[in-house]
Amino acid sequence: MLKDARLISAEQVIETEVCIVGAGAAGITLAREFIGHKTKVCLVESGGLEFDPQTQALSEALTVGDPFLSLKEIRCRRFGGNSNLWSIKIGKGRKGVRYAPLDEIDFEKRAGLPYSGWPIERSHLEPFYKRAQSVCQAGSFAYDPDIWEDKQAKRLPLNENQVVTAMFQFGPGDIFNQQYRDELSRVDNITVYLNLNALEIETNESVRTATRLRVASLQGQQFWIAAKVFILAQGGLENPRTLLMSNRQQTAGLGNQHDLVGRFFMDHPLVQGGDFIPADANLFNKMPLYDLRRVNDVPVLGYFKLSQEVMQRENLVNMSTVLFPRPSKRGLKAIESFKAVAQALAHGKLPQVSGQDFLNIIGGIDYVMLANYLAATKNQSLLHGFHRGGWSELPNNQHRFKVFEVIHQVEQVPNPANRVVLSKERDALGCQKLELHWRWDTDNALNIQRSQEIMAQEIASSGLGEYRIQYKEGLPKLGMPAGTAHHMGTTRMHIDPKQGVVDENCQVHGISNLFIAGSSVFPTGGYANPTLTIVALSIRLADWIKKSLVRADTNLLVSSHC
């Protein structure tokens, strides 16, 4: 059932068994795993069912260091979390997100990559990935190109000892913010509290057990939630914030006895790689595998990555390489000229069309007409990119396009200096705001540069064409402001409490009933969008919690008969 916390009387204590904080992909997945069980669950969400600017303002934060995307704009305080912001057009009028699992190497301790290594292996997570595919309503758990290829869509003939083709899948966002919301509203043992904000976790005197969560609405009423188990599922920034704000019993914050909470912040920066110029223009007609399209009704997109052998041999971080076709310079100039004319007309002005503008528009009319039609009718960008595909279905692409733009989504080396801390400023609830300290390391850039060089060498040796790498001040050109809203690492997983905030079961070290879900527990982030792994880990955590509750009830039953 759904409840609006603004209508609840202040100062009361809500009793439950499992309290989940945050109704994004992690929290919703966790709650759904208790459907059909007797366990009493409450799911706490800061926002409501619609966007509210006052609630969203609670995400305001300061960034110190290199330019980074606005932390207020790239976190959605609303039921469904950031699924409300997913904007990739996946067909049938739906918007969604890319899915891919982490690679096997992402879980390994790697020479040359400090702080790497998960306490679990990829093989351990495999069954949970398969269950996550179903939750995300993506296709089968198949991310190699084999089942997505056909006679018209084949992978490029690259040396797979060097560079391999892999696949992204896509799933809809409305399953989290609409379908699963409606599902949870009909379940008796799960209560979703909307417009309710976590302020602080209280523990017993020994700080070994969490006892209550102090919560409040923006309207001023405060009350508590008492539970057997607490799970923070607020994302890579709010999870550490809640721990740091819970500092009455431990002055540094819960789980922060070794100054690790908030450290090792990572994202997936985008690198503007440059241009891939095909040796034969007909290649533009032979690459539907690398376009966002539906295969067996599943949206997929092919991309490149370095082989595991190359990464291990050269001590390289992981990265994906995606290709987007771009028209000739005439086509690009045509778009700019057409936009100038359209903007003038939209403002009731007579457009000033030079002879060159007219020639630009006429010269690129086929691309301009199609691009502007799609922009007007489908709300699409004028150039193909992460938000839309379909270019491989166009005829005569050998005349339409001249180059592929190369975009890399890259792994960020874990660095304890990249961190979030509490600032001196306070929000409308009186809580300290966050402050992000983030810099793009030169060593990380040089690592990516070596990966680009290997990619360029393989493209050249295959005879496919030339990859002209774009540099800025001698280093890979990082998109600025950086970030893709994949916030990771701030409550990292490690079996040693001196090296991680949570253990291999996502339990906060030293606190028996406090757990963390989401990408904040990732020790390393690979290049893959984190949502599929977030959902897989949430399913795994739900299984662990259910078993723990059964064990606790059994022990209680035994002790009562002694």
Protein backbone atom coordinates (compact mmCIF):
# COMPACT_ATOMS: atom_id res chain seq x y z
CA MET A 1 0.00 0.00 0.00
CA LEU A 2 1.03 3.63 -0.52
CA LYS A 3 0.91 6.25 2.23
CA ASP A 4 1.66 9.96 2.12
CA ALA A 5 3.88 10.72 5.12
CA ARG A 6 2.65 14.30 5.17
CA LEU A 7 -0.65 12.99 6.56
CA ILE A 8 0.94 11.01 9.42
CA SER A 9 0.91 12.41 12.96
CA ALA A 10 4.27 13.48 14.37
CA GLU A 11 6.28 11.80 17.13
CA GLN A 12 4.92 8.28 16.62
CA VAL A 13 6.95 5.10 16.12
CA ILE A 14 6.13 2.89 13.12
CA GLU A 15 6.91 -0.77 13.78
CA THR A 16 8.05 -3.03 10.95
CA GLU A 17 10.45 -5.89 10.31
CA VAL A 18 12.42 -4.63 7.29
CA CYS A 19 12.89 -0.93 6.59
CA ILE A 20 14.21 -0.02 3.12
CA VAL A 21 15.25 3.58 2.50
CA GLY A 22 15.01 4.72 -1.13
CA ALA A 23 12.54 3.70 -3.85
CA GLY A 24 14.84 3.54 -6.85
CA ALA A 25 15.77 0.38 -8.76
CA ALA A 26 17.54 -1.11 -5.71
CA GLY A 27 14.86 -0.38 -3.12
CA ILE A 28 11.96 -1.37 -5.36
CA THR A 29 13.70 -4.64 -6.29
CA LEU A 30 14.32 -5.42 -2.62
CA ALA A 31 10.71 -4.70 -1.66
CA ARG A 32 9.32 -6.84 -4.50
CA GLU A 33 11.34 -9.81 -3.31
CA PHE A 34 9.16 -9.85 -0.16
CA ILE A 35 5.86 -10.05 -2.06
CA GLY A 36 4.12 -13.24 -0.98
CA HIS A 37 6.13 -13.46 2.26
CA LYS A 38 4.83 -12.83 5.76
CA THR A 39 7.62 -10.35 6.49
CA LYS A 40 6.36 -6.82 7.18
CA VAL A 41 8.26 -4.30 5.03
CA CYS A 42 8.24 -0.52 4.75
CA LEU A 43 9.80 1.34 1.83
CA VAL A 44 10.68 4.97 2.51
CA GLU A 45 10.89 7.44 -0.40
CA SER A 46 11.92 11.10 -0.17
CA GLY A 47 9.70 12.15 -3.08
CA GLY A 48 6.16 11.46 -4.18
CA LEU A 49 4.63 10.18 -7.38
CA GLU A 50 5.26 13.44 -9.23
CA PHE A 51 8.22 15.80 -9.45
CA ASP A 52 8.36 18.37 -6.64
CA PRO A 53 10.96 21.18 -6.82
CA GLN A 54 11.12 21.62 -3.04
CA THR A 55 11.91 17.94 -2.55
CA GLN A 56 14.39 17.96 -5.42
CA ALA A 57 16.19 20.90 -3.79
CA LEU A 58 17.26 18.49 -1.03
CA SER A 59 19.78 17.10 -3.55
CA GLU A 60 21.67 20.38 -3.87
CA ALA A 61 25.40 19.86 -3.36
CA LEU A 62 28.71 21.56 -3.98
CA THR A 63 31.43 20.15 -6.25
CA VAL A 64 35.10 20.83 -5.57
CA GLY A 65 37.73 20.00 -8.19
CA ASP A 66 37.12 19.25 -11.87
CA PRO A 67 33.79 20.17 -13.52
CA PHE A 68 31.09 17.61 -12.77
CA LEU A 69 27.43 17.31 -13.71
CA SER A 70 25.04 19.08 -11.32
CA LEU A 71 24.35 16.71 -8.44
CA LYS A 72 20.92 18.26 -8.00
CA GLU A 73 19.86 17.66 -11.60
CA ILE A 74 21.11 14.09 -12.05
CA ARG A 75 19.40 12.56 -9.00
CA CYS A 76 15.62 12.24 -9.01
CA ARG A 77 13.81 12.36 -5.66
CA ARG A 78 10.61 10.65 -6.74
CA PHE A 79 9.23 7.11 -6.64
CA GLY A 80 11.27 5.17 -9.18
CA GLY A 81 14.40 7.24 -8.58
CA ASN A 82 16.50 7.86 -11.66
CA SER A 83 14.33 5.59 -13.79
CA ASN A 84 12.26 8.77 -14.17
CA LEU A 85 15.26 10.35 -15.93
CA TRP A 86 16.08 7.50 -18.32
CA SER A 87 15.67 8.89 -21.82
CA ILE A 88 16.92 6.37 -24.39
CA LYS A 89 14.22 5.80 -27.00
CA ILE A 90 13.88 2.02 -27.22
CA GLY A 91 10.86 1.83 -29.53
CA LYS A 92 7.10 1.43 -29.08
CA GLY A 93 6.97 4.89 -27.52
CA ARG A 94 8.96 3.83 -24.46
CA LYS A 95 12.11 5.19 -22.87
CA GLY A 96 14.68 3.12 -21.06
CA VAL A 97 18.27 2.43 -20.12
CA ARG A 98 21.23 0.34 -21.26
CA TYR A 99 21.98 -2.92 -19.54
CA ALA A 100 25.17 -4.96 -19.37
CA PRO A 101 26.73 -7.07 -16.62
CA LEU A 102 30.14 -6.34 -15.25
CA ASP A 103 32.90 -8.35 -16.94
CA GLU A 104 34.72 -11.16 -15.18
CA ILE A 105 37.87 -9.05 -14.97
CA ASP A 106 35.97 -6.31 -13.13
CA PHE A 107 35.69 -8.58 -10.08
CA GLU A 108 39.38 -9.52 -10.06
CA LYS A 109 42.26 -7.99 -8.15
CA ARG A 110 44.34 -6.49 -10.96
CA ALA A 111 48.02 -5.64 -11.01
CA GLY A 112 48.42 -1.94 -11.67
CA LEU A 113 44.91 -1.11 -10.49
CA PRO A 114 45.06 -0.16 -6.81
CA TYR A 115 42.13 -1.04 -4.55
CA SER A 116 40.71 -3.45 -7.15
CA GLY A 117 39.10 -6.79 -6.38
CA TRP A 118 35.63 -7.79 -5.18
CA PRO A 119 35.11 -10.31 -2.35
CA ILE A 120 32.80 -12.24 -4.71
CA GLU A 121 33.42 -13.61 -8.21
CA ARG A 122 31.42 -12.96 -11.34
CA SER A 123 30.37 -16.64 -11.44
CA HIS A 124 28.76 -16.24 -8.01
CA LEU A 125 26.63 -13.38 -9.29
CA GLU A 126 25.58 -15.19 -12.49
CA PRO A 127 22.26 -16.66 -11.20
CA PHE A 128 21.31 -13.28 -9.75
CA TYR A 129 22.09 -11.58 -13.07
CA LYS A 130 19.67 -13.97 -14.75
CA ARG A 131 16.95 -13.11 -12.25
CA ALA A 132 17.75 -9.41 -12.72
CA GLN A 133 17.12 -9.73 -16.46
CA SER A 134 13.56 -10.71 -15.68
CA VAL A 135 13.07 -7.90 -13.18
CA CYS A 136 14.39 -5.37 -15.72
CA GLN A 137 12.21 -6.89 -18.47
CA ALA A 138 15.19 -7.14 -20.80
CA GLY A 139 15.90 -10.10 -23.08
CA SER A 140 17.65 -13.32 -22.15
CA PHE A 141 20.93 -13.11 -20.26
CA ALA A 142 22.99 -13.00 -23.47
CA TYR A 143 25.55 -10.24 -24.01
CA ASP A 144 27.75 -11.89 -26.62
CA PRO A 145 26.81 -11.11 -30.24
CA ASP A 146 26.11 -14.73 -31.28
CA ILE A 147 22.31 -14.72 -30.91
CA TRP A 148 21.93 -11.14 -32.10
CA GLU A 149 23.73 -11.60 -35.43
CA ASP A 150 22.16 -12.49 -38.77
CA LYS A 151 23.15 -12.27 -42.44
CA GLN A 152 22.63 -8.51 -42.52
CA ALA A 153 24.03 -7.80 -39.07
CA LYS A 154 27.44 -9.29 -38.49
CA ARG A 155 30.28 -8.28 -36.23
CA LEU A 156 33.27 -6.58 -37.80
CA PRO A 157 36.24 -8.86 -38.64
CA LEU A 158 38.56 -7.77 -35.83
CA ASN A 159 41.20 -9.90 -34.12
CA GLU A 160 39.29 -11.02 -31.03
CA ASN A 161 42.52 -11.60 -29.16
CA GLN A 162 42.74 -7.82 -29.18
CA VAL A 163 39.28 -6.30 -29.62
CA VAL A 164 35.93 -8.03 -29.19
CA THR A 165 32.34 -7.16 -29.98
CA ALA A 166 29.82 -7.24 -27.14
CA MET A 167 26.18 -6.20 -26.81
CA PHE A 168 24.14 -3.82 -24.74
CA GLN A 169 20.49 -4.60 -24.09
CA PHE A 170 17.86 -2.03 -23.17
CA GLY A 171 14.89 -2.15 -20.84
CA PRO A 172 11.99 0.23 -20.08
CA GLY A 173 12.08 2.65 -17.19
CA ASP A 174 8.34 2.77 -16.60
CA ILE A 175 8.38 -0.69 -15.04
CA PHE A 176 10.03 0.82 -11.95
CA ASN A 177 8.17 4.12 -11.69
CA GLN A 178 4.74 2.87 -12.81
CA GLN A 179 4.26 -0.90 -13.09
CA TYR A 180 6.09 -1.87 -9.89
CA ARG A 181 4.61 1.11 -8.04
CA ASP A 182 1.11 -0.16 -8.86
CA GLU A 183 2.16 -3.68 -7.91
CA LEU A 184 3.47 -2.62 -4.49
CA SER A 185 0.36 -0.52 -3.83
CA ARG A 186 -1.72 -3.71 -3.89
CA VAL A 187 0.44 -5.71 -1.45
CA ASP A 188 -0.66 -5.93 2.19
CA ASN A 189 2.69 -6.71 3.83
CA ILE A 190 4.55 -3.81 2.15
CA THR A 191 3.90 -0.16 2.93
CA VAL A 192 5.45 2.57 0.79
CA TYR A 193 5.84 5.88 2.62
CA LEU A 194 6.07 8.79 0.18
CA ASN A 195 7.40 12.30 0.90
CA LEU A 196 9.46 11.00 3.80
CA ASN A 197 13.15 11.73 4.34
CA ALA A 198 15.73 9.76 6.32
CA LEU A 199 17.59 11.95 8.83
CA GLU A 200 19.51 9.60 11.08
CA ILE A 201 19.94 5.96 12.08
CA GLU A 202 19.88 5.32 15.81
CA THR A 203 21.66 2.35 17.41
CA ASN A 204 21.93 0.70 20.80
CA GLU A 205 24.61 1.85 23.26
CA SER A 206 27.22 -0.59 21.95
CA VAL A 207 26.59 0.63 18.38
CA ARG A 208 26.24 -3.01 17.32
CA THR A 209 22.56 -2.92 16.38
CA ALA A 210 20.49 -0.30 14.56
CA THR A 211 17.25 0.33 16.44
CA ARG A 212 15.36 3.17 14.78
CA LEU A 213 15.40 5.45 11.76
CA ARG A 214 14.52 9.08 12.39
CA VAL A 215 12.51 10.48 9.50
CA ALA A 216 10.76 13.73 8.59
CA SER A 217 8.60 15.35 5.96
CA LEU A 218 9.22 18.78 4.52
CA GLN A 219 6.07 19.93 6.34
CA GLY A 220 7.91 19.56 9.66
CA GLN A 221 6.57 16.44 11.33
CA GLN A 222 9.18 13.96 12.57
CA PHE A 223 8.74 10.39 13.72
CA TRP A 224 10.62 7.08 13.88
CA ILE A 225 10.64 3.71 12.18
CA ALA A 226 11.68 0.75 14.32
CA ALA A 227 12.73 -2.44 12.52
CA LYS A 228 14.67 -5.67 12.80
CA VAL A 229 16.61 -4.89 9.60
CA PHE A 230 17.51 -1.59 7.93
CA ILE A 231 18.66 -1.31 4.32
CA LEU A 232 19.95 1.92 2.77
CA ALA A 233 19.16 2.00 -0.96
CA GLN A 234 19.50 5.72 -1.64
CA GLY A 235 22.23 5.73 -4.27
CA GLY A 236 25.94 6.42 -4.33
CA LEU A 237 25.65 9.87 -2.74
CA GLU A 238 22.79 9.62 -0.25
CA ASN A 239 23.89 6.27 1.22
CA PRO A 240 27.14 7.74 2.61
CA ARG A 241 25.34 10.94 3.54
CA THR A 242 22.92 9.08 5.81
CA LEU A 243 25.78 7.18 7.46
CA LEU A 244 27.77 10.39 8.01
CA MET A 245 24.73 12.21 9.42
CA SER A 246 24.17 9.35 11.90
CA ASN A 247 26.92 10.65 14.18
CA ARG A 248 25.42 10.93 17.63
CA GLN A 249 26.82 7.60 18.85
CA GLN A 250 29.86 7.56 16.57
CA THR A 251 31.10 11.08 15.93
CA ALA A 252 32.57 10.18 12.51
CA GLY A 253 29.31 8.52 11.44
CA LEU A 254 28.11 4.93 11.38
CA GLY A 255 30.44 2.46 9.66
CA ASN A 256 33.11 5.14 9.43
CA GLN A 257 35.55 4.02 12.10
CA HIS A 258 38.27 3.79 9.45
CA ASP A 259 37.36 6.98 7.56
CA LEU A 260 36.09 5.11 4.48
CA VAL A 261 32.48 6.28 4.21
CA GLY A 262 32.21 8.60 1.22
CA ARG A 263 35.65 7.77 -0.18
CA PHE A 264 36.43 6.10 -3.54
CA PHE A 265 33.68 7.95 -5.39
CA MET A 266 33.57 6.80 -9.03
CA ASP A 267 31.48 7.47 -12.11
CA HIS A 268 31.72 6.46 -15.78
CA PRO A 269 33.21 9.48 -17.55
CA LEU A 270 32.67 9.75 -21.29
CA VAL A 271 35.71 10.25 -23.49
CA GLN A 272 35.23 11.85 -26.88
CA GLY A 273 37.49 9.48 -28.76
CA GLY A 274 37.62 11.07 -32.21
CA ASP A 275 36.65 9.73 -35.66
CA PHE A 276 36.65 6.30 -37.25
CA ILE A 277 36.96 6.84 -40.99
CA PRO A 278 35.99 3.70 -42.96
CA ALA A 279 38.29 2.69 -45.81
CA ASP A 280 35.16 1.79 -47.80
CA ALA A 281 32.05 4.00 -47.51
CA ASN A 282 29.88 0.91 -48.04
CA LEU A 283 30.74 -0.05 -44.46
CA PHE A 284 27.97 2.33 -43.37
CA ASN A 285 25.52 -0.15 -44.92
CA LYS A 286 27.04 -3.20 -43.23
CA MET A 287 26.92 -2.31 -39.53
CA PRO A 288 23.37 -2.72 -38.19
CA LEU A 289 24.79 -4.83 -35.34
CA TYR A 290 26.33 -1.61 -33.98
CA ASP A 291 23.09 0.35 -34.20
CA LEU A 292 20.35 0.54 -31.57
CA ARG A 293 17.64 -1.68 -33.05
CA ARG A 294 15.20 -4.44 -32.06
CA VAL A 295 16.12 -8.09 -32.51
CA ASN A 296 13.43 -10.60 -31.54
CA ASP A 297 11.66 -7.62 -29.95
CA VAL A 298 14.66 -6.84 -27.70
CA PRO A 299 16.44 -3.48 -28.15
CA VAL A 300 20.18 -4.14 -28.53
CA LEU A 301 23.34 -2.28 -29.53
CA GLY A 302 26.74 -3.68 -30.40
CA TYR A 303 29.97 -2.09 -29.22
CA PHE A 304 33.69 -2.84 -28.88
CA LYS A 305 35.85 -3.56 -25.87
CA LEU A 306 39.40 -4.79 -25.37
CA SER A 307 39.88 -8.48 -24.72
CA GLN A 308 40.50 -9.62 -21.18
CA GLU A 309 43.95 -10.87 -22.21
CA VAL A 310 44.98 -7.42 -23.44
CA MET A 311 43.73 -5.70 -20.30
CA GLN A 312 45.58 -8.15 -18.06
CA ARG A 313 48.78 -7.97 -20.10
CA GLU A 314 48.86 -4.17 -20.24
CA ASN A 315 47.27 -3.45 -16.83
CA LEU A 316 44.46 -1.46 -18.42
CA VAL A 317 41.14 -0.28 -17.04
CA ASN A 318 37.97 -1.34 -18.79
CA MET A 319 36.09 0.73 -21.34
CA SER A 320 33.42 0.43 -24.03
CA THR A 321 33.62 1.89 -27.52
CA VAL A 322 30.42 2.94 -29.27
CA LEU A 323 30.15 4.26 -32.84
CA PHE A 324 27.73 6.94 -34.02
CA PRO A 325 27.60 7.82 -37.75
CA ARG A 326 28.03 11.44 -38.68
CA PRO A 327 27.28 13.15 -41.99
CA SER A 328 29.78 14.99 -44.11
CA LYS A 329 30.77 18.52 -43.17
CA ARG A 330 28.23 19.69 -45.73
CA GLY A 331 25.53 17.73 -43.92
CA LEU A 332 26.52 19.21 -40.57
CA LYS A 333 26.57 22.72 -42.02
CA ALA A 334 23.16 22.01 -43.54
CA ILE A 335 21.77 21.18 -40.14
CA GLU A 336 23.20 24.36 -38.62
CA SER A 337 21.83 26.49 -41.46
CA PHE A 338 18.43 24.81 -41.26
CA LYS A 339 18.30 25.36 -37.48
CA ALA A 340 19.09 29.05 -37.93
CA VAL A 341 16.25 29.42 -40.42
CA ALA A 342 13.82 27.48 -38.23
CA GLN A 343 14.68 29.54 -35.13
CA ALA A 344 14.13 32.80 -37.00
CA LEU A 345 10.72 31.64 -38.23
CA ALA A 346 9.76 30.43 -34.76
CA HIS A 347 10.36 33.98 -33.44
CA GLY A 348 8.31 35.55 -36.23
CA LYS A 349 11.34 36.95 -37.99
CA LEU A 350 12.23 36.79 -41.65
CA PRO A 351 15.28 34.53 -41.88
CA GLN A 352 18.43 36.05 -43.32
CA VAL A 353 19.56 33.29 -45.68
CA SER A 354 22.92 33.80 -47.32
CA GLY A 355 23.83 32.12 -50.57
CA GLN A 356 26.11 29.78 -48.67
CA ASP A 357 23.32 28.87 -46.21
CA PHE A 358 21.06 28.06 -49.14
CA LEU A 359 23.73 25.86 -50.72
CA ASN A 360 24.32 24.14 -47.37
CA ILE A 361 20.65 23.29 -46.96
CA ILE A 362 20.23 22.07 -50.54
CA GLY A 363 23.47 20.08 -50.41
CA GLY A 364 22.44 18.17 -47.30
CA ILE A 365 18.70 18.17 -47.84
CA ASP A 366 18.19 14.41 -47.49
CA TYR A 367 19.81 14.23 -44.07
CA VAL A 368 18.35 17.57 -42.93
CA MET A 369 14.80 16.68 -43.84
CA LEU A 370 14.91 13.31 -42.14
CA ALA A 371 16.75 14.57 -39.05
CA ASN A 372 14.42 17.51 -38.55
CA TYR A 373 11.33 15.38 -39.16
CA LEU A 374 12.43 12.95 -36.44
CA ALA A 375 13.34 15.81 -34.12
CA ALA A 376 9.88 17.35 -34.57
CA THR A 377 7.75 14.19 -34.49
CA LYS A 378 9.74 11.83 -32.26
CA ASN A 379 11.40 14.36 -29.94
CA GLN A 380 14.79 13.10 -31.07
CA SER A 381 18.14 14.79 -31.33
CA LEU A 382 19.35 15.88 -34.75
CA LEU A 383 22.32 13.52 -34.56
CA HIS A 384 22.26 9.83 -33.68
CA GLY A 385 23.65 9.19 -30.22
CA PHE A 386 23.06 7.35 -26.98
CA HIS A 387 19.44 8.50 -26.94
CA ARG A 388 18.35 6.99 -30.24
CA GLY A 389 19.31 4.65 -33.05
CA GLY A 390 17.78 3.57 -36.33
CA TRP A 391 20.45 4.89 -38.67
CA SER A 392 21.18 1.45 -40.14
CA GLU A 393 17.64 1.30 -41.57
CA LEU A 394 18.25 4.33 -43.80
CA PRO A 395 19.05 3.75 -47.50
CA ASN A 396 22.29 4.80 -49.21
CA ASN A 397 24.24 5.46 -46.07
CA GLN A 398 27.45 5.41 -48.10
CA HIS A 399 26.39 8.84 -49.39
CA ARG A 400 24.77 10.07 -46.20
CA PHE A 401 27.62 9.52 -43.72
CA LYS A 402 31.37 10.14 -43.81
CA VAL A 403 32.73 9.15 -40.37
CA PHE A 404 31.79 7.41 -37.15
CA GLU A 405 32.13 9.45 -34.01
CA VAL A 406 33.84 7.33 -31.36
CA ILE A 407 32.63 7.58 -27.75
CA HIS A 408 34.19 5.66 -24.87
CA GLN A 409 32.48 5.04 -21.54
CA VAL A 410 35.39 4.37 -19.23
CA GLU A 411 36.24 2.83 -15.91
CA GLN A 412 37.54 5.20 -13.28
CA VAL A 413 40.44 4.07 -11.12
CA PRO A 414 39.38 3.90 -7.43
CA ASN A 415 40.95 6.81 -5.58
CA PRO A 416 40.30 7.51 -1.88
CA ALA A 417 40.78 11.25 -2.51
CA ASN A 418 37.66 11.29 -4.68
CA ARG A 419 35.00 11.46 -2.02
CA VAL A 420 31.84 12.99 -0.64
CA VAL A 421 31.78 14.77 2.72
CA LEU A 422 29.23 16.78 4.67
CA SER A 423 29.41 20.51 4.00
CA LYS A 424 28.68 23.35 6.40
CA GLU A 425 25.55 24.33 4.47
CA ARG A 426 22.21 22.86 5.49
CA ASP A 427 19.06 21.98 3.57
CA ALA A 428 15.40 22.68 4.36
CA LEU A 429 15.35 19.77 6.82
CA GLY A 430 18.36 21.12 8.71
CA CYS A 431 20.61 18.35 7.40
CA GLN A 432 24.12 19.04 6.17
CA LYS A 433 24.39 19.11 2.40
CA LEU A 434 26.91 17.04 0.48
CA GLU A 435 30.19 18.23 -0.96
CA LEU A 436 31.81 16.20 -3.75
CA HIS A 437 35.58 16.28 -4.14
CA TRP A 438 36.41 14.87 -7.56
CA ARG A 439 39.34 15.04 -9.98
CA TRP A 440 40.18 13.20 -13.19
CA ASP A 441 43.63 11.73 -12.64
CA THR A 442 46.35 11.98 -15.30
CA ASP A 443 47.21 8.32 -14.67
CA ASN A 444 43.63 7.37 -15.48
CA ALA A 445 43.79 9.40 -18.69
CA LEU A 446 47.08 7.80 -19.75
CA ASN A 447 45.60 4.36 -19.14
CA ILE A 448 42.65 5.19 -21.41
CA GLN A 449 45.05 6.61 -24.00
CA ARG A 450 46.86 3.28 -24.24
CA SER A 451 43.52 1.51 -24.73
CA GLN A 452 42.66 3.91 -27.56
CA GLU A 453 46.00 3.27 -29.23
CA ILE A 454 45.40 -0.50 -29.19
CA MET A 455 41.93 0.06 -30.65
CA ALA A 456 43.37 2.26 -33.41
CA GLN A 457 46.08 -0.28 -34.24
CA GLU A 458 43.54 -3.08 -34.57
CA ILE A 459 41.20 -1.04 -36.79
CA ALA A 460 44.11 -0.16 -39.07
CA SER A 461 45.53 -3.71 -39.23
CA SER A 462 42.08 -5.12 -40.03
CA GLY A 463 41.90 -2.90 -43.12
CA LEU A 464 38.61 -1.38 -41.95
CA GLY A 465 39.88 2.18 -41.91
CA GLU A 466 41.49 4.68 -39.58
CA TYR A 467 40.70 5.69 -36.02
CA ARG A 468 41.86 9.28 -35.62
CA ILE A 469 42.12 9.81 -31.88
CA GLN A 470 41.15 13.23 -30.57
CA TYR A 471 43.33 14.66 -27.84
CA LYS A 472 43.16 17.71 -25.62
CA GLU A 473 46.49 18.92 -24.28
CA GLY A 474 48.02 15.59 -25.23
CA LEU A 475 45.49 13.47 -23.31
CA PRO A 476 42.15 11.82 -24.16
CA LYS A 477 39.38 14.38 -24.45
CA LEU A 478 37.11 13.95 -21.45
CA GLY A 479 33.55 15.19 -21.83
CA MET A 480 33.04 18.13 -19.49
CA PRO A 481 31.31 18.53 -17.18
CA ALA A 482 32.04 14.87 -16.50
CA GLY A 483 29.76 12.15 -15.23
CA THR A 484 26.93 9.90 -16.35
CA ALA A 485 25.05 9.76 -13.01
CA HIS A 486 26.57 6.35 -12.22
CA HIS A 487 27.64 7.12 -8.66
CA MET A 488 29.67 4.25 -7.21
CA GLY A 489 32.16 3.20 -4.55
CA THR A 490 31.31 5.39 -1.57
CA THR A 491 30.43 2.47 0.77
CA ARG A 492 32.69 -0.08 -0.89
CA MET A 493 32.56 -3.83 -0.28
CA HIS A 494 35.49 -5.62 1.33
CA ILE A 495 35.88 -8.43 3.86
CA ASP A 496 38.37 -6.30 5.84
CA PRO A 497 36.67 -3.42 7.72
CA LYS A 498 39.86 -1.40 7.28
CA GLN A 499 39.38 -1.52 3.52
CA GLY A 500 35.61 -1.47 3.09
CA VAL A 501 32.40 -0.16 4.65
CA VAL A 502 30.33 -3.30 4.02
CA ASP A 503 31.23 -6.99 3.93
CA GLU A 504 30.57 -9.47 1.13
CA ASN A 505 26.89 -9.63 2.18
CA CYS A 506 26.51 -5.83 2.04
CA GLN A 507 26.29 -5.63 5.84
CA VAL A 508 27.89 -2.55 7.39
CA HIS A 509 30.94 -3.77 9.32
CA GLY A 510 30.24 -3.94 13.03
CA ILE A 511 26.45 -3.38 12.84
CA SER A 512 24.52 -6.63 12.70
CA ASN A 513 21.30 -5.44 11.05
CA LEU A 514 22.31 -2.52 8.81
CA PHE A 515 22.80 -3.23 5.12
CA ILE A 516 23.46 -1.18 1.99
CA ALA A 517 22.12 -1.79 -1.51
CA GLY A 518 23.14 -0.16 -4.76
CA SER A 519 26.28 0.84 -6.62
CA SER A 520 27.82 2.56 -3.60
CA VAL A 521 29.08 -0.91 -2.58
CA PHE A 522 31.00 -1.44 -5.86
CA PRO A 523 34.78 -1.69 -5.18
CA THR A 524 35.39 -1.04 -8.90
CA GLY A 525 32.93 0.03 -11.55
CA GLY A 526 34.02 -1.33 -14.94
CA TYR A 527 32.38 0.52 -17.83
CA ALA A 528 28.90 -1.07 -17.75
CA ASN A 529 25.86 0.93 -16.69
CA PRO A 530 25.42 -0.22 -13.08
CA THR A 531 21.67 -0.85 -12.99
CA LEU A 532 21.72 -4.56 -13.91
CA THR A 533 24.36 -5.24 -11.25
CA ILE A 534 22.42 -3.11 -8.74
CA VAL A 535 19.31 -5.21 -9.32
CA ALA A 536 21.27 -8.48 -9.17
CA LEU A 537 22.93 -7.51 -5.86
CA SER A 538 19.56 -6.39 -4.48
CA ILE A 539 18.01 -9.78 -5.26
CA ARG A 540 21.00 -11.47 -3.62
CA LEU A 541 20.67 -9.23 -0.55
CA ALA A 542 16.93 -9.93 -0.28
CA ASP A 543 17.66 -13.67 -0.27
CA TRP A 544 20.22 -13.16 2.51
CA ILE A 545 17.83 -11.04 4.61
CA LYS A 546 15.02 -13.59 4.28
CA LYS A 547 17.33 -16.38 5.42
CA SER A 548 18.61 -14.20 8.29
CA LEU A 549 15.07 -13.49 9.49
CA VAL A 550 14.24 -17.21 9.40
CA ARG A 551 17.38 -17.98 11.42
CA ALA A 552 16.52 -15.26 13.93
CA ASP A 553 12.94 -16.56 14.35
CA THR A 554 14.25 -20.11 14.75
CA ASN A 555 16.74 -19.06 17.42
CA LEU A 556 14.02 -17.14 19.23
CA LEU A 557 11.73 -20.16 19.12
CA VAL A 558 14.47 -22.45 20.45
CA SER A 559 15.38 -20.06 23.28
CA SER A 560 11.73 -19.70 24.30
CA HIS A 561 11.53 -23.48 24.87
CA CYS A 562 14.73 -23.69 26.90
